[in-house]
């Protein structure tokens, strides 16, 4: 009796819902009273057959097909939505487990249900806020870039026209002002780029690493020529990734390797990919100035610059973007480096995130 009482409690109260679906006669399907109450029905007042209520759940048909074709003893989860005639909406995370009879045929599906309405509503609110922030970020970056860019262009024109009649100090000042304004435009663009990482991602696509390296080469053609940089693809391979993020990460890591190289030394950049069971690993190694051990944990921080004694035209944003972009793909970005001996950046792209696991 005690066991039966505990079972009755679990079926009626402990779960947000329990469904025992009959694969032979859907009219014999049973739902716990708690499930019906969560939907907004009193079991004693319910006029509609239970199987009809279930069929009205958004996603029910897809979930049922998945559970019926699944292996016995294994469960899979689906988010289902119920829209009550009163206007209320309830979300459930339902886990179904197929039970087969002695003859091996499908007999019942036991489905446990958890009310995730609050979780879904918060997620939707967060998505709306993110969209608003992205619009705000775009508007602010546009409103700053336009006047500052125009002012920088005007200064450059003035400097070119007056460079033969003004003294060297004034000429230098005008040139520095123009450069500072161009840097400000670059900072605004990169900050907006980082903010945009919170936008919904495009679907992942298969690509060859060599194709993305070729794209980076074309975008950095002038820098590669000026620095005499050598970019070597040690190991090519195919992977599936969010192409836009992957291309930007590679572009910024290669750009970093060109920038942070000893004066007078041609940068050598080696890139490779390895295909592990759980993820793809991409490495970008260079012969640059390296990173002191105490700074290796800081370089991914926003606006963090660890080379105050060097005159570099960087903003301390590139690696912050890379770290966040890789995390957005479900992976991790790490660095191994010794001062004066170059650096190796390695990032992972988990296969589970592509297949819906993360």
Protein backbone atom coordinates (compact mmCIF):
# COMPACT_ATOMS: atom_id res chain seq x y z
CA UNK A 1 0.00 0.00 0.00
CA UNK A 2 2.82 2.36 0.84
CA UNK A 3 4.41 1.71 -2.55
CA UNK A 4 1.09 2.26 -4.30
CA UNK A 5 0.61 5.51 -2.40
CA UNK A 6 4.04 6.74 -3.43
CA UNK A 7 3.34 5.81 -7.05
CA UNK A 8 0.00 7.64 -6.95
CA UNK A 9 1.77 10.71 -5.56
CA UNK A 10 4.42 10.65 -8.32
CA UNK A 11 1.80 10.23 -11.03
CA UNK A 12 -0.52 12.88 -9.68
CA UNK A 13 1.69 15.48 -8.00
CA UNK A 14 5.44 15.07 -8.31
CA UNK A 15 5.69 15.44 -12.07
CA UNK A 16 4.39 18.32 -14.16
CA UNK A 17 2.92 15.62 -16.33
CA UNK A 18 3.04 11.95 -17.15
CA UNK A 19 1.53 10.41 -20.27
CA UNK A 20 1.18 6.73 -21.06
CA UNK A 21 0.45 6.61 -24.77
CA UNK A 22 -1.07 3.46 -26.23
CA UNK A 23 0.29 2.69 -29.68
CA UNK A 24 -2.54 0.21 -30.34
CA UNK A 25 -5.53 2.27 -29.27
CA UNK A 26 -4.91 5.97 -28.80
CA UNK A 27 -8.24 6.22 -26.98
CA UNK A 28 -6.64 4.21 -24.15
CA UNK A 29 -3.95 6.87 -23.67
CA UNK A 30 -3.72 8.06 -20.07
CA UNK A 31 -2.55 11.41 -18.67
CA UNK A 32 -1.85 12.26 -15.05
CA UNK A 33 -4.24 14.81 -13.49
CA UNK A 34 -1.27 17.12 -12.88
CA UNK A 35 -0.56 17.28 -16.62
CA UNK A 36 -4.12 18.30 -17.44
CA UNK A 37 -4.11 20.90 -14.65
CA UNK A 38 -0.87 22.38 -16.00
CA UNK A 39 -2.53 22.65 -19.42
CA UNK A 40 -5.39 24.54 -17.77
CA UNK A 41 -8.01 21.77 -17.67
CA UNK A 42 -9.74 20.11 -14.76
CA UNK A 43 -9.75 16.38 -15.47
CA UNK A 44 -13.35 16.09 -14.26
CA UNK A 45 -14.50 18.84 -16.63
CA UNK A 46 -12.51 17.81 -19.70
CA UNK A 47 -14.94 17.15 -22.53
CA UNK A 48 -12.36 16.62 -25.27
CA UNK A 49 -10.76 13.14 -25.51
CA UNK A 50 -7.19 13.13 -24.23
CA UNK A 51 -5.75 11.98 -27.56
CA UNK A 52 -7.30 15.04 -29.24
CA UNK A 53 -5.74 17.34 -26.66
CA UNK A 54 -2.34 15.78 -27.34
CA UNK A 55 -2.73 16.13 -31.10
CA UNK A 56 -3.22 19.87 -30.63
CA UNK A 57 0.18 20.23 -28.97
CA UNK A 58 2.60 22.04 -31.29
CA UNK A 59 5.31 19.51 -32.16
CA UNK A 60 3.37 16.44 -30.98
CA UNK A 61 3.34 14.63 -34.35
CA UNK A 62 7.10 15.06 -34.84
CA UNK A 63 7.82 13.93 -31.28
CA UNK A 64 5.53 10.92 -31.57
CA UNK A 65 7.19 9.80 -34.82
CA UNK A 66 10.60 10.11 -33.17
CA UNK A 67 9.58 8.09 -30.13
CA UNK A 68 7.89 5.38 -32.22
CA UNK A 69 11.00 4.90 -34.37
CA UNK A 70 13.42 5.03 -31.45
CA UNK A 71 15.03 2.12 -29.68
CA UNK A 72 13.27 0.64 -26.69
CA UNK A 73 14.74 1.78 -23.39
CA UNK A 74 16.18 5.02 -24.74
CA UNK A 75 14.55 8.41 -24.34
CA UNK A 76 14.60 11.57 -26.41
CA UNK A 77 13.33 15.03 -25.49
CA UNK A 78 11.11 17.43 -27.40
CA UNK A 79 9.75 20.84 -26.49
CA UNK A 80 5.98 20.90 -27.01
CA UNK A 81 3.62 23.87 -26.83
CA UNK A 82 -0.05 23.98 -25.82
CA UNK A 83 -2.28 26.95 -26.60
CA UNK A 84 -5.35 27.00 -24.37
CA UNK A 85 -8.63 28.43 -25.74
CA UNK A 86 -8.39 31.08 -22.99
CA UNK A 87 -5.24 32.43 -24.63
CA UNK A 88 -2.61 31.05 -22.26
CA UNK A 89 0.42 29.20 -23.66
CA UNK A 90 2.22 26.39 -21.84
CA UNK A 91 5.56 24.84 -22.84
CA UNK A 92 6.69 21.34 -21.86
CA UNK A 93 9.95 19.46 -22.25
CA UNK A 94 8.74 15.92 -22.89
CA UNK A 95 10.96 12.85 -22.69
CA UNK A 96 9.50 9.74 -24.34
CA UNK A 97 10.56 6.16 -23.75
CA UNK A 98 9.26 3.41 -26.06
CA UNK A 99 8.09 0.17 -24.45
CA UNK A 100 7.86 -2.91 -26.68
CA UNK A 101 5.79 -5.99 -25.99
CA UNK A 102 6.98 -9.60 -25.85
CA UNK A 103 6.52 -9.85 -29.62
CA UNK A 104 8.90 -6.93 -30.17
CA UNK A 105 6.20 -4.57 -31.41
CA UNK A 106 5.69 -1.08 -30.01
CA UNK A 107 3.29 -1.26 -27.07
CA UNK A 108 3.34 1.98 -25.10
CA UNK A 109 5.30 5.21 -24.86
CA UNK A 110 5.91 6.56 -21.37
CA UNK A 111 6.33 10.34 -21.56
CA UNK A 112 7.47 12.48 -18.64
CA UNK A 113 6.73 16.21 -18.94
CA UNK A 114 8.37 19.22 -17.31
CA UNK A 115 6.79 22.66 -17.43
CA UNK A 116 9.38 25.01 -19.02
CA UNK A 117 7.02 27.92 -19.73
CA UNK A 118 8.96 30.32 -17.50
CA UNK A 119 12.26 29.26 -19.06
CA UNK A 120 10.91 29.73 -22.62
CA UNK A 121 9.39 33.12 -21.79
CA UNK A 122 12.66 34.35 -20.31
CA UNK A 123 14.56 33.07 -23.33
CA UNK A 124 12.20 34.90 -25.67
CA UNK A 125 12.49 38.10 -23.64
CA UNK A 126 16.28 37.81 -23.69
CA UNK A 127 16.21 37.30 -27.47
CA UNK A 128 14.10 40.45 -27.88
CA UNK A 129 16.48 42.43 -25.66
CA UNK A 130 19.44 41.15 -27.65
CA UNK A 131 17.81 42.29 -30.89
CA UNK A 132 17.18 45.72 -29.39
CA UNK A 133 20.80 46.01 -28.22
CA UNK A 134 22.08 44.99 -31.65
CA UNK A 135 19.94 47.65 -33.30
CA UNK A 136 21.20 50.19 -30.76
CA UNK A 137 24.81 49.09 -31.33
CA UNK A 138 24.42 49.44 -35.09
CA UNK A 139 22.79 52.87 -34.78
CA UNK A 140 25.46 54.17 -32.40
CA UNK A 141 28.34 52.81 -34.48
CA UNK A 142 26.85 54.34 -37.62
CA UNK A 143 26.22 57.71 -35.93
CA UNK A 144 29.81 57.83 -34.63
CA UNK A 145 31.55 56.49 -37.72
CA UNK A 146 29.96 58.87 -40.20
CA UNK A 147 30.97 62.23 -38.63
CA UNK A 148 34.35 61.00 -37.37
CA UNK A 149 35.15 59.47 -40.76
CA UNK A 150 34.18 62.69 -42.52
CA UNK A 151 36.31 64.73 -40.11
CA UNK A 152 39.29 62.42 -40.66
CA UNK A 153 38.91 62.76 -44.43
CA UNK A 154 38.65 66.56 -44.15
CA UNK A 155 41.81 66.69 -42.03
CA UNK A 156 43.66 64.56 -44.56
CA UNK A 157 42.61 66.86 -47.41
CA UNK A 158 43.64 69.96 -45.41
CA UNK A 159 46.97 68.37 -44.54
CA UNK A 160 47.70 67.49 -48.17
CA UNK A 161 46.83 71.01 -49.35
CA UNK A 162 48.83 72.84 -46.67
CA UNK A 163 51.77 70.50 -46.14
CA UNK A 164 54.08 72.76 -48.21
CA UNK A 165 53.25 75.95 -46.25
CA UNK A 166 52.92 74.77 -42.64
CA UNK A 167 55.75 73.96 -40.26
CA UNK A 168 56.79 70.40 -39.46
CA UNK A 169 55.16 70.41 -35.99
CA UNK A 170 51.75 71.39 -37.37
CA UNK A 171 52.07 68.85 -40.17
CA UNK A 172 52.82 66.09 -37.67
CA UNK A 173 49.90 67.17 -35.47
CA UNK A 174 47.43 67.07 -38.38
CA UNK A 175 48.70 63.65 -39.44
CA UNK A 176 48.33 62.31 -35.89
CA UNK A 177 44.80 63.72 -35.59
CA UNK A 178 43.79 62.06 -38.85
CA UNK A 179 45.30 58.73 -37.72
CA UNK A 180 43.58 58.94 -34.31
CA UNK A 181 40.21 59.51 -35.94
CA UNK A 182 40.72 56.55 -38.25
CA UNK A 183 41.64 54.43 -35.22
CA UNK A 184 38.44 55.55 -33.47
CA UNK A 185 36.40 54.41 -36.46
CA UNK A 186 38.21 51.06 -36.31
CA UNK A 187 37.45 50.67 -32.59
CA UNK A 188 33.76 51.40 -33.13
CA UNK A 189 33.59 48.89 -35.98
CA UNK A 190 35.24 46.15 -33.92
CA UNK A 191 33.08 46.82 -30.84
CA UNK A 192 29.97 46.49 -33.01
CA UNK A 193 31.44 43.29 -34.48
CA UNK A 194 31.80 41.85 -30.96
CA UNK A 195 28.27 42.92 -30.00
CA UNK A 196 26.89 41.27 -33.16
CA UNK A 197 28.18 37.89 -31.95
CA UNK A 198 25.03 37.62 -29.82
CA UNK A 199 22.82 37.64 -32.92
CA UNK A 200 21.31 34.32 -34.14
CA UNK A 201 23.85 32.27 -36.09
CA UNK A 202 23.48 31.19 -39.68
CA UNK A 203 23.29 27.40 -40.14
CA UNK A 204 26.66 25.57 -40.10
CA UNK A 205 28.05 24.52 -43.46
CA UNK A 206 30.82 22.16 -44.62
CA UNK A 207 33.99 23.88 -45.81
CA UNK A 208 37.64 23.16 -46.49
CA UNK A 209 40.13 24.93 -44.24
CA UNK A 210 42.13 25.86 -47.35
CA UNK A 211 39.14 27.81 -48.71
CA UNK A 212 39.00 29.95 -45.58
CA UNK A 213 42.78 30.52 -45.65
CA UNK A 214 42.50 31.62 -49.29
CA UNK A 215 39.82 34.14 -48.29
CA UNK A 216 42.00 35.50 -45.47
CA UNK A 217 44.94 35.84 -47.86
CA UNK A 218 42.88 37.96 -50.25
CA UNK A 219 41.65 40.23 -47.45
CA UNK A 220 45.15 40.69 -46.03
CA UNK A 221 46.92 40.88 -49.41
CA UNK A 222 48.47 44.32 -48.82
CA UNK A 223 49.79 43.42 -45.35
CA UNK A 224 51.16 40.10 -46.57
CA UNK A 225 53.02 41.81 -49.41
CA UNK A 226 54.43 44.62 -47.25
CA UNK A 227 55.58 42.28 -44.47
CA UNK A 228 56.74 39.48 -46.83
CA UNK A 229 54.72 37.09 -44.67
CA UNK A 230 54.72 33.39 -45.49
CA UNK A 231 51.47 31.53 -44.75
CA UNK A 232 51.82 27.75 -44.87
CA UNK A 233 48.90 25.35 -44.62
CA UNK A 234 50.54 22.33 -43.01
CA UNK A 235 47.42 20.16 -42.87
CA UNK A 236 44.18 20.75 -44.77
CA UNK A 237 40.85 19.17 -43.98
CA UNK A 238 37.09 19.49 -44.19
CA UNK A 239 34.99 20.65 -41.25
CA UNK A 240 31.46 21.86 -40.59
CA UNK A 241 31.18 25.28 -38.97
CA UNK A 242 29.48 28.64 -38.92
CA UNK A 243 31.38 30.00 -41.91
CA UNK A 244 31.22 33.69 -41.03
CA UNK A 245 32.62 33.17 -37.53
CA UNK A 246 35.29 30.72 -38.69
CA UNK A 247 36.47 33.10 -41.44
CA UNK A 248 36.69 36.06 -39.05
CA UNK A 249 38.59 34.11 -36.39
CA UNK A 250 41.19 32.91 -38.91
CA UNK A 251 41.48 36.39 -40.42
CA UNK A 252 42.15 38.02 -37.04
CA UNK A 253 44.60 35.35 -35.87
CA UNK A 254 46.61 35.62 -39.11
CA UNK A 255 46.49 39.43 -38.93
CA UNK A 256 47.74 39.27 -35.33
CA UNK A 257 50.66 37.05 -36.37
CA UNK A 258 51.68 39.58 -39.03
CA UNK A 259 51.40 42.55 -36.65
CA UNK A 260 53.21 41.01 -33.69
CA UNK A 261 56.44 40.11 -35.42
CA UNK A 262 59.93 41.45 -34.77
CA UNK A 263 60.89 44.41 -36.92
CA UNK A 264 62.90 43.27 -39.91
CA UNK A 265 61.74 39.65 -39.64
CA UNK A 266 59.35 38.20 -42.19
CA UNK A 267 56.38 36.55 -40.43
CA UNK A 268 56.03 32.80 -40.93
CA UNK A 269 52.57 31.46 -40.11
CA UNK A 270 51.78 27.74 -40.05
CA UNK A 271 48.16 26.57 -39.98
CA UNK A 272 46.84 23.05 -39.52
CA UNK A 273 43.67 21.13 -38.65
CA UNK A 274 43.21 17.86 -36.81
CA UNK A 275 40.02 15.80 -36.82
CA UNK A 276 39.32 14.26 -33.41
CA UNK A 277 36.29 12.21 -32.46
CA UNK A 278 34.62 15.02 -30.53
CA UNK A 279 35.87 18.14 -32.33
CA UNK A 280 38.03 19.74 -35.00
CA UNK A 281 41.16 21.51 -33.72
CA UNK A 282 42.71 24.33 -35.74
CA UNK A 283 46.14 25.75 -34.87
CA UNK A 284 47.75 28.99 -36.03
CA UNK A 285 51.46 29.14 -35.13
CA UNK A 286 53.83 32.05 -35.81
CA UNK A 287 57.43 33.18 -35.28
CA UNK A 288 56.42 36.47 -33.68
CA UNK A 289 57.47 38.29 -30.54
CA UNK A 290 55.67 35.85 -28.27
CA UNK A 291 53.69 36.54 -25.12
CA UNK A 292 55.06 36.68 -21.59
CA UNK A 293 53.59 33.99 -19.34
CA UNK A 294 52.00 36.54 -16.99
CA UNK A 295 50.12 38.10 -19.93
CA UNK A 296 48.79 34.94 -21.56
CA UNK A 297 45.62 35.02 -19.45
CA UNK A 298 45.04 38.71 -20.17
CA UNK A 299 45.30 38.91 -23.95
CA UNK A 300 41.69 37.77 -24.47
CA UNK A 301 40.30 40.55 -22.26
CA UNK A 302 38.43 43.38 -23.93
CA UNK A 303 40.67 46.38 -24.83
CA UNK A 304 43.66 44.73 -23.12
CA UNK A 305 47.03 45.60 -24.66
CA UNK A 306 50.11 43.87 -23.28
CA UNK A 307 52.77 45.69 -25.32
CA UNK A 308 52.75 49.24 -24.00
CA UNK A 309 56.38 49.74 -25.09
CA UNK A 310 55.64 48.98 -28.74
CA UNK A 311 54.09 51.33 -31.30
CA UNK A 312 51.35 49.08 -32.64
CA UNK A 313 48.17 50.03 -34.48
CA UNK A 314 45.98 47.53 -32.63
CA UNK A 315 43.01 48.16 -30.38
CA UNK A 316 43.11 45.18 -28.03
CA UNK A 317 39.88 43.83 -29.52
CA UNK A 318 40.87 41.18 -32.07
CA UNK A 319 41.59 38.36 -29.63
CA UNK A 320 38.55 39.28 -27.52
CA UNK A 321 36.44 38.79 -30.63
CA UNK A 322 38.15 35.46 -31.42
CA UNK A 323 37.61 34.13 -27.91
CA UNK A 324 33.91 35.01 -27.93
CA UNK A 325 33.37 33.83 -31.52
CA UNK A 326 34.91 30.42 -30.79
CA UNK A 327 32.82 30.14 -27.62
CA UNK A 328 29.74 31.02 -29.71
CA UNK A 329 30.54 27.96 -31.84
CA UNK A 330 30.77 25.86 -28.67
CA UNK A 331 34.57 25.65 -28.62
CA UNK A 332 37.54 27.10 -26.78
CA UNK A 333 40.55 29.20 -27.79
CA UNK A 334 43.90 28.76 -26.05
CA UNK A 335 47.44 30.00 -26.53
CA UNK A 336 50.91 28.54 -25.99
CA UNK A 337 53.77 30.98 -26.21
CA UNK A 338 57.26 31.91 -25.08
CA UNK A 339 58.53 35.45 -25.18
CA UNK A 340 60.67 35.96 -28.26
CA UNK A 341 59.85 32.54 -29.71
CA UNK A 342 56.39 32.97 -31.23
CA UNK A 343 52.90 31.83 -30.32
CA UNK A 344 50.48 29.04 -31.20
CA UNK A 345 46.76 29.70 -30.97
CA UNK A 346 44.53 26.62 -31.03
CA UNK A 347 40.77 26.62 -31.14
CA UNK A 348 38.21 23.82 -31.20
CA UNK A 349 34.89 23.44 -32.98
CA UNK A 350 32.91 20.67 -31.26
CA UNK A 351 31.01 18.30 -33.50
CA UNK A 352 28.26 18.04 -30.88
CA UNK A 353 27.44 21.76 -31.30
CA UNK A 354 27.02 21.23 -35.05
CA UNK A 355 24.82 18.17 -34.53
CA UNK A 356 22.63 19.93 -31.95
CA UNK A 357 24.32 18.56 -28.85
CA UNK A 358 25.26 21.93 -27.34
